[in-house]
Amino acid sequence: GLLIALIGLQNTGIVVANPATMVAV
């Protein structure tokens, strides 16, 4: 469930990659 939610958040653009912190808003 957490993995699916993470992918969903990525698809909306709410969560994005960040080289310093791995993820960001």
PDBML (XML) file of the C-alpha atoms, coordinates in Angstrom:
<?xml version="1.0" encoding="UTF-8" ?>
<PDBx:datablock datablockName="MODEL"
   xmlns:PDBx="http://pdbml.pdb.org/schema/pdbx-v50.xsd"
   xmlns:xsi="http://www.w3.org/2001/XMLSchema-instance"
   xsi:schemaLocation="http://pdbml.pdb.org/schema/pdbx-v50.xsd pdbx-v50.xsd">
   <PDBx:atom_siteCategory>
      <PDBx:atom_site id="1">
         <PDBx:B_iso_or_equiv>0.00</PDBx:B_iso_or_equiv>
         <PDBx:Cartn_x>0.000</PDBx:Cartn_x>
         <PDBx:Cartn_y>0.000</PDBx:Cartn_y>
         <PDBx:Cartn_z>0.000</PDBx:Cartn_z>
         <PDBx:auth_asym_id>A</PDBx:auth_asym_id>
         <PDBx:auth_atom_id>CA</PDBx:auth_atom_id>
         <PDBx:auth_comp_id>GLY</PDBx:auth_comp_id>
         <PDBx:auth_seq_id>1</PDBx:auth_seq_id>
         <PDBx:group_PDB>ATOM</PDBx:group_PDB>
         <PDBx:label_alt_id xsi:nil="true" />
         <PDBx:label_asym_id>A</PDBx:label_asym_id>
         <PDBx:label_atom_id>CA</PDBx:label_atom_id>
         <PDBx:label_comp_id>GLY</PDBx:label_comp_id>
         <PDBx:label_entity_id>1</PDBx:label_entity_id>
         <PDBx:label_seq_id>1</PDBx:label_seq_id>
         <PDBx:occupancy>1.00</PDBx:occupancy>
         <PDBx:pdbx_PDB_model_num>1</PDBx:pdbx_PDB_model_num>
         <PDBx:type_symbol>C</PDBx:type_symbol>
      </PDBx:atom_site>
      <PDBx:atom_site id="2">
         <PDBx:B_iso_or_equiv>0.00</PDBx:B_iso_or_equiv>
         <PDBx:Cartn_x>2.792</PDBx:Cartn_x>
         <PDBx:Cartn_y>2.444</PDBx:Cartn_y>
         <PDBx:Cartn_z>0.844</PDBx:Cartn_z>
         <PDBx:auth_asym_id>A</PDBx:auth_asym_id>
         <PDBx:auth_atom_id>CA</PDBx:auth_atom_id>
         <PDBx:auth_comp_id>LEU</PDBx:auth_comp_id>
         <PDBx:auth_seq_id>2</PDBx:auth_seq_id>
         <PDBx:group_PDB>ATOM</PDBx:group_PDB>
         <PDBx:label_alt_id xsi:nil="true" />
         <PDBx:label_asym_id>A</PDBx:label_asym_id>
         <PDBx:label_atom_id>CA</PDBx:label_atom_id>
         <PDBx:label_comp_id>LEU</PDBx:label_comp_id>
         <PDBx:label_entity_id>1</PDBx:label_entity_id>
         <PDBx:label_seq_id>2</PDBx:label_seq_id>
         <PDBx:occupancy>1.00</PDBx:occupancy>
         <PDBx:pdbx_PDB_model_num>1</PDBx:pdbx_PDB_model_num>
         <PDBx:type_symbol>C</PDBx:type_symbol>
      </PDBx:atom_site>
      <PDBx:atom_site id="3">
         <PDBx:B_iso_or_equiv>0.00</PDBx:B_iso_or_equiv>
         <PDBx:Cartn_x>4.575</PDBx:Cartn_x>
         <PDBx:Cartn_y>1.663</PDBx:Cartn_y>
         <PDBx:Cartn_z>-2.422</PDBx:Cartn_z>
         <PDBx:auth_asym_id>A</PDBx:auth_asym_id>
         <PDBx:auth_atom_id>CA</PDBx:auth_atom_id>
         <PDBx:auth_comp_id>LEU</PDBx:auth_comp_id>
         <PDBx:auth_seq_id>3</PDBx:auth_seq_id>
         <PDBx:group_PDB>ATOM</PDBx:group_PDB>
         <PDBx:label_alt_id xsi:nil="true" />
         <PDBx:label_asym_id>A</PDBx:label_asym_id>
         <PDBx:label_atom_id>CA</PDBx:label_atom_id>
         <PDBx:label_comp_id>LEU</PDBx:label_comp_id>
         <PDBx:label_entity_id>1</PDBx:label_entity_id>
         <PDBx:label_seq_id>3</PDBx:label_seq_id>
         <PDBx:occupancy>1.00</PDBx:occupancy>
         <PDBx:pdbx_PDB_model_num>1</PDBx:pdbx_PDB_model_num>
         <PDBx:type_symbol>C</PDBx:type_symbol>
      </PDBx:atom_site>
      <PDBx:atom_site id="4">
         <PDBx:B_iso_or_equiv>0.00</PDBx:B_iso_or_equiv>
         <PDBx:Cartn_x>1.381</PDBx:Cartn_x>
         <PDBx:Cartn_y>2.145</PDBx:Cartn_y>
         <PDBx:Cartn_z>-4.440</PDBx:Cartn_z>
         <PDBx:auth_asym_id>A</PDBx:auth_asym_id>
         <PDBx:auth_atom_id>CA</PDBx:auth_atom_id>
         <PDBx:auth_comp_id>ILE</PDBx:auth_comp_id>
         <PDBx:auth_seq_id>4</PDBx:auth_seq_id>
         <PDBx:group_PDB>ATOM</PDBx:group_PDB>
         <PDBx:label_alt_id xsi:nil="true" />
         <PDBx:label_asym_id>A</PDBx:label_asym_id>
         <PDBx:label_atom_id>CA</PDBx:label_atom_id>
         <PDBx:label_comp_id>ILE</PDBx:label_comp_id>
         <PDBx:label_entity_id>1</PDBx:label_entity_id>
         <PDBx:label_seq_id>4</PDBx:label_seq_id>
         <PDBx:occupancy>1.00</PDBx:occupancy>
         <PDBx:pdbx_PDB_model_num>1</PDBx:pdbx_PDB_model_num>
         <PDBx:type_symbol>C</PDBx:type_symbol>
      </PDBx:atom_site>
      <PDBx:atom_site id="5">
         <PDBx:B_iso_or_equiv>0.00</PDBx:B_iso_or_equiv>
         <PDBx:Cartn_x>0.705</PDBx:Cartn_x>
         <PDBx:Cartn_y>5.439</PDBx:Cartn_y>
         <PDBx:Cartn_z>-2.648</PDBx:Cartn_z>
         <PDBx:auth_asym_id>A</PDBx:auth_asym_id>
         <PDBx:auth_atom_id>CA</PDBx:auth_atom_id>
         <PDBx:auth_comp_id>ALA</PDBx:auth_comp_id>
         <PDBx:auth_seq_id>5</PDBx:auth_seq_id>
         <PDBx:group_PDB>ATOM</PDBx:group_PDB>
         <PDBx:label_alt_id xsi:nil="true" />
         <PDBx:label_asym_id>A</PDBx:label_asym_id>
         <PDBx:label_atom_id>CA</PDBx:label_atom_id>
         <PDBx:label_comp_id>ALA</PDBx:label_comp_id>
         <PDBx:label_entity_id>1</PDBx:label_entity_id>
         <PDBx:label_seq_id>5</PDBx:label_seq_id>
         <PDBx:occupancy>1.00</PDBx:occupancy>
         <PDBx:pdbx_PDB_model_num>1</PDBx:pdbx_PDB_model_num>
         <PDBx:type_symbol>C</PDBx:type_symbol>
      </PDBx:atom_site>
      <PDBx:atom_site id="6">
         <PDBx:B_iso_or_equiv>0.00</PDBx:B_iso_or_equiv>
         <PDBx:Cartn_x>4.244</PDBx:Cartn_x>
         <PDBx:Cartn_y>6.653</PDBx:Cartn_y>
         <PDBx:Cartn_z>-3.367</PDBx:Cartn_z>
         <PDBx:auth_asym_id>A</PDBx:auth_asym_id>
         <PDBx:auth_atom_id>CA</PDBx:auth_atom_id>
         <PDBx:auth_comp_id>LEU</PDBx:auth_comp_id>
         <PDBx:auth_seq_id>6</PDBx:auth_seq_id>
         <PDBx:group_PDB>ATOM</PDBx:group_PDB>
         <PDBx:label_alt_id xsi:nil="true" />
         <PDBx:label_asym_id>A</PDBx:label_asym_id>
         <PDBx:label_atom_id>CA</PDBx:label_atom_id>
         <PDBx:label_comp_id>LEU</PDBx:label_comp_id>
         <PDBx:label_entity_id>1</PDBx:label_entity_id>
         <PDBx:label_seq_id>6</PDBx:label_seq_id>
         <PDBx:occupancy>1.00</PDBx:occupancy>
         <PDBx:pdbx_PDB_model_num>1</PDBx:pdbx_PDB_model_num>
         <PDBx:type_symbol>C</PDBx:type_symbol>
      </PDBx:atom_site>
      <PDBx:atom_site id="7">
         <PDBx:B_iso_or_equiv>0.00</PDBx:B_iso_or_equiv>
         <PDBx:Cartn_x>3.791</PDBx:Cartn_x>
         <PDBx:Cartn_y>5.911</PDBx:Cartn_y>
         <PDBx:Cartn_z>-7.063</PDBx:Cartn_z>
         <PDBx:auth_asym_id>A</PDBx:auth_asym_id>
         <PDBx:auth_atom_id>CA</PDBx:auth_atom_id>
         <PDBx:auth_comp_id>ILE</PDBx:auth_comp_id>
         <PDBx:auth_seq_id>7</PDBx:auth_seq_id>
         <PDBx:group_PDB>ATOM</PDBx:group_PDB>
         <PDBx:label_alt_id xsi:nil="true" />
         <PDBx:label_asym_id>A</PDBx:label_asym_id>
         <PDBx:label_atom_id>CA</PDBx:label_atom_id>
         <PDBx:label_comp_id>ILE</PDBx:label_comp_id>
         <PDBx:label_entity_id>1</PDBx:label_entity_id>
         <PDBx:label_seq_id>7</PDBx:label_seq_id>
         <PDBx:occupancy>1.00</PDBx:occupancy>
         <PDBx:pdbx_PDB_model_num>1</PDBx:pdbx_PDB_model_num>
         <PDBx:type_symbol>C</PDBx:type_symbol>
      </PDBx:atom_site>
      <PDBx:atom_site id="8">
         <PDBx:B_iso_or_equiv>0.00</PDBx:B_iso_or_equiv>
         <PDBx:Cartn_x>0.436</PDBx:Cartn_x>
         <PDBx:Cartn_y>7.715</PDBx:Cartn_y>
         <PDBx:Cartn_z>-7.028</PDBx:Cartn_z>
         <PDBx:auth_asym_id>A</PDBx:auth_asym_id>
         <PDBx:auth_atom_id>CA</PDBx:auth_atom_id>
         <PDBx:auth_comp_id>GLY</PDBx:auth_comp_id>
         <PDBx:auth_seq_id>8</PDBx:auth_seq_id>
         <PDBx:group_PDB>ATOM</PDBx:group_PDB>
         <PDBx:label_alt_id xsi:nil="true" />
         <PDBx:label_asym_id>A</PDBx:label_asym_id>
         <PDBx:label_atom_id>CA</PDBx:label_atom_id>
         <PDBx:label_comp_id>GLY</PDBx:label_comp_id>
         <PDBx:label_entity_id>1</PDBx:label_entity_id>
         <PDBx:label_seq_id>8</PDBx:label_seq_id>
         <PDBx:occupancy>1.00</PDBx:occupancy>
         <PDBx:pdbx_PDB_model_num>1</PDBx:pdbx_PDB_model_num>
         <PDBx:type_symbol>C</PDBx:type_symbol>
      </PDBx:atom_site>
      <PDBx:atom_site id="9">
         <PDBx:B_iso_or_equiv>0.00</PDBx:B_iso_or_equiv>
         <PDBx:Cartn_x>2.030</PDBx:Cartn_x>
         <PDBx:Cartn_y>10.752</PDBx:Cartn_y>
         <PDBx:Cartn_z>-5.395</PDBx:Cartn_z>
         <PDBx:auth_asym_id>A</PDBx:auth_asym_id>
         <PDBx:auth_atom_id>CA</PDBx:auth_atom_id>
         <PDBx:auth_comp_id>LEU</PDBx:auth_comp_id>
         <PDBx:auth_seq_id>9</PDBx:auth_seq_id>
         <PDBx:group_PDB>ATOM</PDBx:group_PDB>
         <PDBx:label_alt_id xsi:nil="true" />
         <PDBx:label_asym_id>A</PDBx:label_asym_id>
         <PDBx:label_atom_id>CA</PDBx:label_atom_id>
         <PDBx:label_comp_id>LEU</PDBx:label_comp_id>
         <PDBx:label_entity_id>1</PDBx:label_entity_id>
         <PDBx:label_seq_id>9</PDBx:label_seq_id>
         <PDBx:occupancy>1.00</PDBx:occupancy>
         <PDBx:pdbx_PDB_model_num>1</PDBx:pdbx_PDB_model_num>
         <PDBx:type_symbol>C</PDBx:type_symbol>
      </PDBx:atom_site>
      <PDBx:atom_site id="10">
         <PDBx:B_iso_or_equiv>0.00</PDBx:B_iso_or_equiv>
         <PDBx:Cartn_x>4.744</PDBx:Cartn_x>
         <PDBx:Cartn_y>10.704</PDBx:Cartn_y>
         <PDBx:Cartn_z>-8.054</PDBx:Cartn_z>
         <PDBx:auth_asym_id>A</PDBx:auth_asym_id>
         <PDBx:auth_atom_id>CA</PDBx:auth_atom_id>
         <PDBx:auth_comp_id>GLN</PDBx:auth_comp_id>
         <PDBx:auth_seq_id>10</PDBx:auth_seq_id>
         <PDBx:group_PDB>ATOM</PDBx:group_PDB>
         <PDBx:label_alt_id xsi:nil="true" />
         <PDBx:label_asym_id>A</PDBx:label_asym_id>
         <PDBx:label_atom_id>CA</PDBx:label_atom_id>
         <PDBx:label_comp_id>GLN</PDBx:label_comp_id>
         <PDBx:label_entity_id>1</PDBx:label_entity_id>
         <PDBx:label_seq_id>10</PDBx:label_seq_id>
         <PDBx:occupancy>1.00</PDBx:occupancy>
         <PDBx:pdbx_PDB_model_num>1</PDBx:pdbx_PDB_model_num>
         <PDBx:type_symbol>C</PDBx:type_symbol>
      </PDBx:atom_site>
      <PDBx:atom_site id="11">
         <PDBx:B_iso_or_equiv>0.00</PDBx:B_iso_or_equiv>
         <PDBx:Cartn_x>2.166</PDBx:Cartn_x>
         <PDBx:Cartn_y>10.563</PDBx:Cartn_y>
         <PDBx:Cartn_z>-10.858</PDBx:Cartn_z>
         <PDBx:auth_asym_id>A</PDBx:auth_asym_id>
         <PDBx:auth_atom_id>CA</PDBx:auth_atom_id>
         <PDBx:auth_comp_id>ASN</PDBx:auth_comp_id>
         <PDBx:auth_seq_id>11</PDBx:auth_seq_id>
         <PDBx:group_PDB>ATOM</PDBx:group_PDB>
         <PDBx:label_alt_id xsi:nil="true" />
         <PDBx:label_asym_id>A</PDBx:label_asym_id>
         <PDBx:label_atom_id>CA</PDBx:label_atom_id>
         <PDBx:label_comp_id>ASN</PDBx:label_comp_id>
         <PDBx:label_entity_id>1</PDBx:label_entity_id>
         <PDBx:label_seq_id>11</PDBx:label_seq_id>
         <PDBx:occupancy>1.00</PDBx:occupancy>
         <PDBx:pdbx_PDB_model_num>1</PDBx:pdbx_PDB_model_num>
         <PDBx:type_symbol>C</PDBx:type_symbol>
      </PDBx:atom_site>
      <PDBx:atom_site id="12">
         <PDBx:B_iso_or_equiv>0.00</PDBx:B_iso_or_equiv>
         <PDBx:Cartn_x>0.458</PDBx:Cartn_x>
         <PDBx:Cartn_y>13.681</PDBx:Cartn_y>
         <PDBx:Cartn_z>-9.508</PDBx:Cartn_z>
         <PDBx:auth_asym_id>A</PDBx:auth_asym_id>
         <PDBx:auth_atom_id>CA</PDBx:auth_atom_id>
         <PDBx:auth_comp_id>THR</PDBx:auth_comp_id>
         <PDBx:auth_seq_id>12</PDBx:auth_seq_id>
         <PDBx:group_PDB>ATOM</PDBx:group_PDB>
         <PDBx:label_alt_id xsi:nil="true" />
         <PDBx:label_asym_id>A</PDBx:label_asym_id>
         <PDBx:label_atom_id>CA</PDBx:label_atom_id>
         <PDBx:label_comp_id>THR</PDBx:label_comp_id>
         <PDBx:label_entity_id>1</PDBx:label_entity_id>
         <PDBx:label_seq_id>12</PDBx:label_seq_id>
         <PDBx:occupancy>1.00</PDBx:occupancy>
         <PDBx:pdbx_PDB_model_num>1</PDBx:pdbx_PDB_model_num>
         <PDBx:type_symbol>C</PDBx:type_symbol>
      </PDBx:atom_site>
      <PDBx:atom_site id="13">
         <PDBx:B_iso_or_equiv>0.00</PDBx:B_iso_or_equiv>
         <PDBx:Cartn_x>3.759</PDBx:Cartn_x>
         <PDBx:Cartn_y>15.510</PDBx:Cartn_y>
         <PDBx:Cartn_z>-9.133</PDBx:Cartn_z>
         <PDBx:auth_asym_id>A</PDBx:auth_asym_id>
         <PDBx:auth_atom_id>CA</PDBx:auth_atom_id>
         <PDBx:auth_comp_id>GLY</PDBx:auth_comp_id>
         <PDBx:auth_seq_id>13</PDBx:auth_seq_id>
         <PDBx:group_PDB>ATOM</PDBx:group_PDB>
         <PDBx:label_alt_id xsi:nil="true" />
         <PDBx:label_asym_id>A</PDBx:label_asym_id>
         <PDBx:label_atom_id>CA</PDBx:label_atom_id>
         <PDBx:label_comp_id>GLY</PDBx:label_comp_id>
         <PDBx:label_entity_id>1</PDBx:label_entity_id>
         <PDBx:label_seq_id>13</PDBx:label_seq_id>
         <PDBx:occupancy>1.00</PDBx:occupancy>
         <PDBx:pdbx_PDB_model_num>1</PDBx:pdbx_PDB_model_num>
         <PDBx:type_symbol>C</PDBx:type_symbol>
      </PDBx:atom_site>
      <PDBx:atom_site id="14">
         <PDBx:B_iso_or_equiv>0.00</PDBx:B_iso_or_equiv>
         <PDBx:Cartn_x>3.207</PDBx:Cartn_x>
         <PDBx:Cartn_y>15.997</PDBx:Cartn_y>
         <PDBx:Cartn_z>-5.396</PDBx:Cartn_z>
         <PDBx:auth_asym_id>A</PDBx:auth_asym_id>
         <PDBx:auth_atom_id>CA</PDBx:auth_atom_id>
         <PDBx:auth_comp_id>ILE</PDBx:auth_comp_id>
         <PDBx:auth_seq_id>14</PDBx:auth_seq_id>
         <PDBx:group_PDB>ATOM</PDBx:group_PDB>
         <PDBx:label_alt_id xsi:nil="true" />
         <PDBx:label_asym_id>A</PDBx:label_asym_id>
         <PDBx:label_atom_id>CA</PDBx:label_atom_id>
         <PDBx:label_comp_id>ILE</PDBx:label_comp_id>
         <PDBx:label_entity_id>1</PDBx:label_entity_id>
         <PDBx:label_seq_id>14</PDBx:label_seq_id>
         <PDBx:occupancy>1.00</PDBx:occupancy>
         <PDBx:pdbx_PDB_model_num>1</PDBx:pdbx_PDB_model_num>
         <PDBx:type_symbol>C</PDBx:type_symbol>
      </PDBx:atom_site>
      <PDBx:atom_site id="15">
         <PDBx:B_iso_or_equiv>0.00</PDBx:B_iso_or_equiv>
         <PDBx:Cartn_x>6.357</PDBx:Cartn_x>
         <PDBx:Cartn_y>13.999</PDBx:Cartn_y>
         <PDBx:Cartn_z>-4.689</PDBx:Cartn_z>
         <PDBx:auth_asym_id>A</PDBx:auth_asym_id>
         <PDBx:auth_atom_id>CA</PDBx:auth_atom_id>
         <PDBx:auth_comp_id>VAL</PDBx:auth_comp_id>
         <PDBx:auth_seq_id>15</PDBx:auth_seq_id>
         <PDBx:group_PDB>ATOM</PDBx:group_PDB>
         <PDBx:label_alt_id xsi:nil="true" />
         <PDBx:label_asym_id>A</PDBx:label_asym_id>
         <PDBx:label_atom_id>CA</PDBx:label_atom_id>
         <PDBx:label_comp_id>VAL</PDBx:label_comp_id>
         <PDBx:label_entity_id>1</PDBx:label_entity_id>
         <PDBx:label_seq_id>15</PDBx:label_seq_id>
         <PDBx:occupancy>1.00</PDBx:occupancy>
         <PDBx:pdbx_PDB_model_num>1</PDBx:pdbx_PDB_model_num>
         <PDBx:type_symbol>C</PDBx:type_symbol>
      </PDBx:atom_site>
      <PDBx:atom_site id="16">
         <PDBx:B_iso_or_equiv>0.00</PDBx:B_iso_or_equiv>
         <PDBx:Cartn_x>9.391</PDBx:Cartn_x>
         <PDBx:Cartn_y>14.497</PDBx:Cartn_y>
         <PDBx:Cartn_z>-6.952</PDBx:Cartn_z>
         <PDBx:auth_asym_id>A</PDBx:auth_asym_id>
         <PDBx:auth_atom_id>CA</PDBx:auth_atom_id>
         <PDBx:auth_comp_id>VAL</PDBx:auth_comp_id>
         <PDBx:auth_seq_id>16</PDBx:auth_seq_id>
         <PDBx:group_PDB>ATOM</PDBx:group_PDB>
         <PDBx:label_alt_id xsi:nil="true" />
         <PDBx:label_asym_id>A</PDBx:label_asym_id>
         <PDBx:label_atom_id>CA</PDBx:label_atom_id>
         <PDBx:label_comp_id>VAL</PDBx:label_comp_id>
         <PDBx:label_entity_id>1</PDBx:label_entity_id>
         <PDBx:label_seq_id>16</PDBx:label_seq_id>
         <PDBx:occupancy>1.00</PDBx:occupancy>
         <PDBx:pdbx_PDB_model_num>1</PDBx:pdbx_PDB_model_num>
         <PDBx:type_symbol>C</PDBx:type_symbol>
      </PDBx:atom_site>
      <PDBx:atom_site id="17">
         <PDBx:B_iso_or_equiv>0.00</PDBx:B_iso_or_equiv>
         <PDBx:Cartn_x>12.994</PDBx:Cartn_x>
         <PDBx:Cartn_y>13.337</PDBx:Cartn_y>
         <PDBx:Cartn_z>-6.994</PDBx:Cartn_z>
         <PDBx:auth_asym_id>A</PDBx:auth_asym_id>
         <PDBx:auth_atom_id>CA</PDBx:auth_atom_id>
         <PDBx:auth_comp_id>ALA</PDBx:auth_comp_id>
         <PDBx:auth_seq_id>17</PDBx:auth_seq_id>
         <PDBx:group_PDB>ATOM</PDBx:group_PDB>
         <PDBx:label_alt_id xsi:nil="true" />
         <PDBx:label_asym_id>A</PDBx:label_asym_id>
         <PDBx:label_atom_id>CA</PDBx:label_atom_id>
         <PDBx:label_comp_id>ALA</PDBx:label_comp_id>
         <PDBx:label_entity_id>1</PDBx:label_entity_id>
         <PDBx:label_seq_id>17</PDBx:label_seq_id>
         <PDBx:occupancy>1.00</PDBx:occupancy>
         <PDBx:pdbx_PDB_model_num>1</PDBx:pdbx_PDB_model_num>
         <PDBx:type_symbol>C</PDBx:type_symbol>
      </PDBx:atom_site>
      <PDBx:atom_site id="18">
         <PDBx:B_iso_or_equiv>0.00</PDBx:B_iso_or_equiv>
         <PDBx:Cartn_x>15.647</PDBx:Cartn_x>
         <PDBx:Cartn_y>15.399</PDBx:Cartn_y>
         <PDBx:Cartn_z>-5.257</PDBx:Cartn_z>
         <PDBx:auth_asym_id>A</PDBx:auth_asym_id>
         <PDBx:auth_atom_id>CA</PDBx:auth_atom_id>
         <PDBx:auth_comp_id>ASN</PDBx:auth_comp_id>
         <PDBx:auth_seq_id>18</PDBx:auth_seq_id>
         <PDBx:group_PDB>ATOM</PDBx:group_PDB>
         <PDBx:label_alt_id xsi:nil="true" />
         <PDBx:label_asym_id>A</PDBx:label_asym_id>
         <PDBx:label_atom_id>CA</PDBx:label_atom_id>
         <PDBx:label_comp_id>ASN</PDBx:label_comp_id>
         <PDBx:label_entity_id>1</PDBx:label_entity_id>
         <PDBx:label_seq_id>18</PDBx:label_seq_id>
         <PDBx:occupancy>1.00</PDBx:occupancy>
         <PDBx:pdbx_PDB_model_num>1</PDBx:pdbx_PDB_model_num>
         <PDBx:type_symbol>C</PDBx:type_symbol>
      </PDBx:atom_site>
      <PDBx:atom_site id="19">
         <PDBx:B_iso_or_equiv>0.00</PDBx:B_iso_or_equiv>
         <PDBx:Cartn_x>19.409</PDBx:Cartn_x>
         <PDBx:Cartn_y>14.642</PDBx:Cartn_y>
         <PDBx:Cartn_z>-5.434</PDBx:Cartn_z>
         <PDBx:auth_asym_id>A</PDBx:auth_asym_id>
         <PDBx:auth_atom_id>CA</PDBx:auth_atom_id>
         <PDBx:auth_comp_id>PRO</PDBx:auth_comp_id>
         <PDBx:auth_seq_id>19</PDBx:auth_seq_id>
         <PDBx:group_PDB>ATOM</PDBx:group_PDB>
         <PDBx:label_alt_id xsi:nil="true" />
         <PDBx:label_asym_id>A</PDBx:label_asym_id>
         <PDBx:label_atom_id>CA</PDBx:label_atom_id>
         <PDBx:label_comp_id>PRO</PDBx:label_comp_id>
         <PDBx:label_entity_id>1</PDBx:label_entity_id>
         <PDBx:label_seq_id>19</PDBx:label_seq_id>
         <PDBx:occupancy>1.00</PDBx:occupancy>
         <PDBx:pdbx_PDB_model_num>1</PDBx:pdbx_PDB_model_num>
         <PDBx:type_symbol>C</PDBx:type_symbol>
      </PDBx:atom_site>
      <PDBx:atom_site id="20">
         <PDBx:B_iso_or_equiv>0.00</PDBx:B_iso_or_equiv>
         <PDBx:Cartn_x>20.041</PDBx:Cartn_x>
         <PDBx:Cartn_y>15.950</PDBx:Cartn_y>
         <PDBx:Cartn_z>-1.927</PDBx:Cartn_z>
         <PDBx:auth_asym_id>A</PDBx:auth_asym_id>
         <PDBx:auth_atom_id>CA</PDBx:auth_atom_id>
         <PDBx:auth_comp_id>ALA</PDBx:auth_comp_id>
         <PDBx:auth_seq_id>20</PDBx:auth_seq_id>
         <PDBx:group_PDB>ATOM</PDBx:group_PDB>
         <PDBx:label_alt_id xsi:nil="true" />
         <PDBx:label_asym_id>A</PDBx:label_asym_id>
         <PDBx:label_atom_id>CA</PDBx:label_atom_id>
         <PDBx:label_comp_id>ALA</PDBx:label_comp_id>
         <PDBx:label_entity_id>1</PDBx:label_entity_id>
         <PDBx:label_seq_id>20</PDBx:label_seq_id>
         <PDBx:occupancy>1.00</PDBx:occupancy>
         <PDBx:pdbx_PDB_model_num>1</PDBx:pdbx_PDB_model_num>
         <PDBx:type_symbol>C</PDBx:type_symbol>
      </PDBx:atom_site>
      <PDBx:atom_site id="21">
         <PDBx:B_iso_or_equiv>0.00</PDBx:B_iso_or_equiv>
         <PDBx:Cartn_x>17.122</PDBx:Cartn_x>
         <PDBx:Cartn_y>14.488</PDBx:Cartn_y>
         <PDBx:Cartn_z>-0.004</PDBx:Cartn_z>
         <PDBx:auth_asym_id>A</PDBx:auth_asym_id>
         <PDBx:auth_atom_id>CA</PDBx:auth_atom_id>
         <PDBx:auth_comp_id>THR</PDBx:auth_comp_id>
         <PDBx:auth_seq_id>21</PDBx:auth_seq_id>
         <PDBx:group_PDB>ATOM</PDBx:group_PDB>
         <PDBx:label_alt_id xsi:nil="true" />
         <PDBx:label_asym_id>A</PDBx:label_asym_id>
         <PDBx:label_atom_id>CA</PDBx:label_atom_id>
         <PDBx:label_comp_id>THR</PDBx:label_comp_id>
         <PDBx:label_entity_id>1</PDBx:label_entity_id>
         <PDBx:label_seq_id>21</PDBx:label_seq_id>
         <PDBx:occupancy>1.00</PDBx:occupancy>
         <PDBx:pdbx_PDB_model_num>1</PDBx:pdbx_PDB_model_num>
         <PDBx:type_symbol>C</PDBx:type_symbol>
      </PDBx:atom_site>
      <PDBx:atom_site id="22">
         <PDBx:B_iso_or_equiv>0.00</PDBx:B_iso_or_equiv>
         <PDBx:Cartn_x>16.021</PDBx:Cartn_x>
         <PDBx:Cartn_y>11.750</PDBx:Cartn_y>
         <PDBx:Cartn_z>-2.471</PDBx:Cartn_z>
         <PDBx:auth_asym_id>A</PDBx:auth_asym_id>
         <PDBx:auth_atom_id>CA</PDBx:auth_atom_id>
         <PDBx:auth_comp_id>MET</PDBx:auth_comp_id>
         <PDBx:auth_seq_id>22</PDBx:auth_seq_id>
         <PDBx:group_PDB>ATOM</PDBx:group_PDB>
         <PDBx:label_alt_id xsi:nil="true" />
         <PDBx:label_asym_id>A</PDBx:label_asym_id>
         <PDBx:label_atom_id>CA</PDBx:label_atom_id>
         <PDBx:label_comp_id>MET</PDBx:label_comp_id>
         <PDBx:label_entity_id>1</PDBx:label_entity_id>
         <PDBx:label_seq_id>22</PDBx:label_seq_id>
         <PDBx:occupancy>1.00</PDBx:occupancy>
         <PDBx:pdbx_PDB_model_num>1</PDBx:pdbx_PDB_model_num>
         <PDBx:type_symbol>C</PDBx:type_symbol>
      </PDBx:atom_site>
      <PDBx:atom_site id="23">
         <PDBx:B_iso_or_equiv>0.00</PDBx:B_iso_or_equiv>
         <PDBx:Cartn_x>12.445</PDBx:Cartn_x>
         <PDBx:Cartn_y>13.055</PDBx:Cartn_y>
         <PDBx:Cartn_z>-2.451</PDBx:Cartn_z>
         <PDBx:auth_asym_id>A</PDBx:auth_asym_id>
         <PDBx:auth_atom_id>CA</PDBx:auth_atom_id>
         <PDBx:auth_comp_id>VAL</PDBx:auth_comp_id>
         <PDBx:auth_seq_id>23</PDBx:auth_seq_id>
         <PDBx:group_PDB>ATOM</PDBx:group_PDB>
         <PDBx:label_alt_id xsi:nil="true" />
         <PDBx:label_asym_id>A</PDBx:label_asym_id>
         <PDBx:label_atom_id>CA</PDBx:label_atom_id>
         <PDBx:label_comp_id>VAL</PDBx:label_comp_id>
         <PDBx:label_entity_id>1</PDBx:label_entity_id>
         <PDBx:label_seq_id>23</PDBx:label_seq_id>
         <PDBx:occupancy>1.00</PDBx:occupancy>
         <PDBx:pdbx_PDB_model_num>1</PDBx:pdbx_PDB_model_num>
         <PDBx:type_symbol>C</PDBx:type_symbol>
      </PDBx:atom_site>
      <PDBx:atom_site id="24">
         <PDBx:B_iso_or_equiv>0.00</PDBx:B_iso_or_equiv>
         <PDBx:Cartn_x>10.834</PDBx:Cartn_x>
         <PDBx:Cartn_y>16.495</PDBx:Cartn_y>
         <PDBx:Cartn_z>-2.181</PDBx:Cartn_z>
         <PDBx:auth_asym_id>A</PDBx:auth_asym_id>
         <PDBx:auth_atom_id>CA</PDBx:auth_atom_id>
         <PDBx:auth_comp_id>ALA</PDBx:auth_comp_id>
         <PDBx:auth_seq_id>24</PDBx:auth_seq_id>
         <PDBx:group_PDB>ATOM</PDBx:group_PDB>
         <PDBx:label_alt_id xsi:nil="true" />
         <PDBx:label_asym_id>A</PDBx:label_asym_id>
         <PDBx:label_atom_id>CA</PDBx:label_atom_id>
         <PDBx:label_comp_id>ALA</PDBx:label_comp_id>
         <PDBx:label_entity_id>1</PDBx:label_entity_id>
         <PDBx:label_seq_id>24</PDBx:label_seq_id>
         <PDBx:occupancy>1.00</PDBx:occupancy>
         <PDBx:pdbx_PDB_model_num>1</PDBx:pdbx_PDB_model_num>
         <PDBx:type_symbol>C</PDBx:type_symbol>
      </PDBx:atom_site>
      <PDBx:atom_site id="25">
         <PDBx:B_iso_or_equiv>0.00</PDBx:B_iso_or_equiv>
         <PDBx:Cartn_x>7.509</PDBx:Cartn_x>
         <PDBx:Cartn_y>18.283</PDBx:Cartn_y>
         <PDBx:Cartn_z>-2.650</PDBx:Cartn_z>
         <PDBx:auth_asym_id>A</PDBx:auth_asym_id>
         <PDBx:auth_atom_id>CA</PDBx:auth_atom_id>
         <PDBx:auth_comp_id>VAL</PDBx:auth_comp_id>
         <PDBx:auth_seq_id>25</PDBx:auth_seq_id>
         <PDBx:group_PDB>ATOM</PDBx:group_PDB>
         <PDBx:label_alt_id xsi:nil="true" />
         <PDBx:label_asym_id>A</PDBx:label_asym_id>
         <PDBx:label_atom_id>CA</PDBx:label_atom_id>
         <PDBx:label_comp_id>VAL</PDBx:label_comp_id>
         <PDBx:label_entity_id>1</PDBx:label_entity_id>
         <PDBx:label_seq_id>25</PDBx:label_seq_id>
         <PDBx:occupancy>1.00</PDBx:occupancy>
         <PDBx:pdbx_PDB_model_num>1</PDBx:pdbx_PDB_model_num>
         <PDBx:type_symbol>C</PDBx:type_symbol>
      </PDBx:atom_site>
   </PDBx:atom_siteCategory>
</PDBx:datablock>
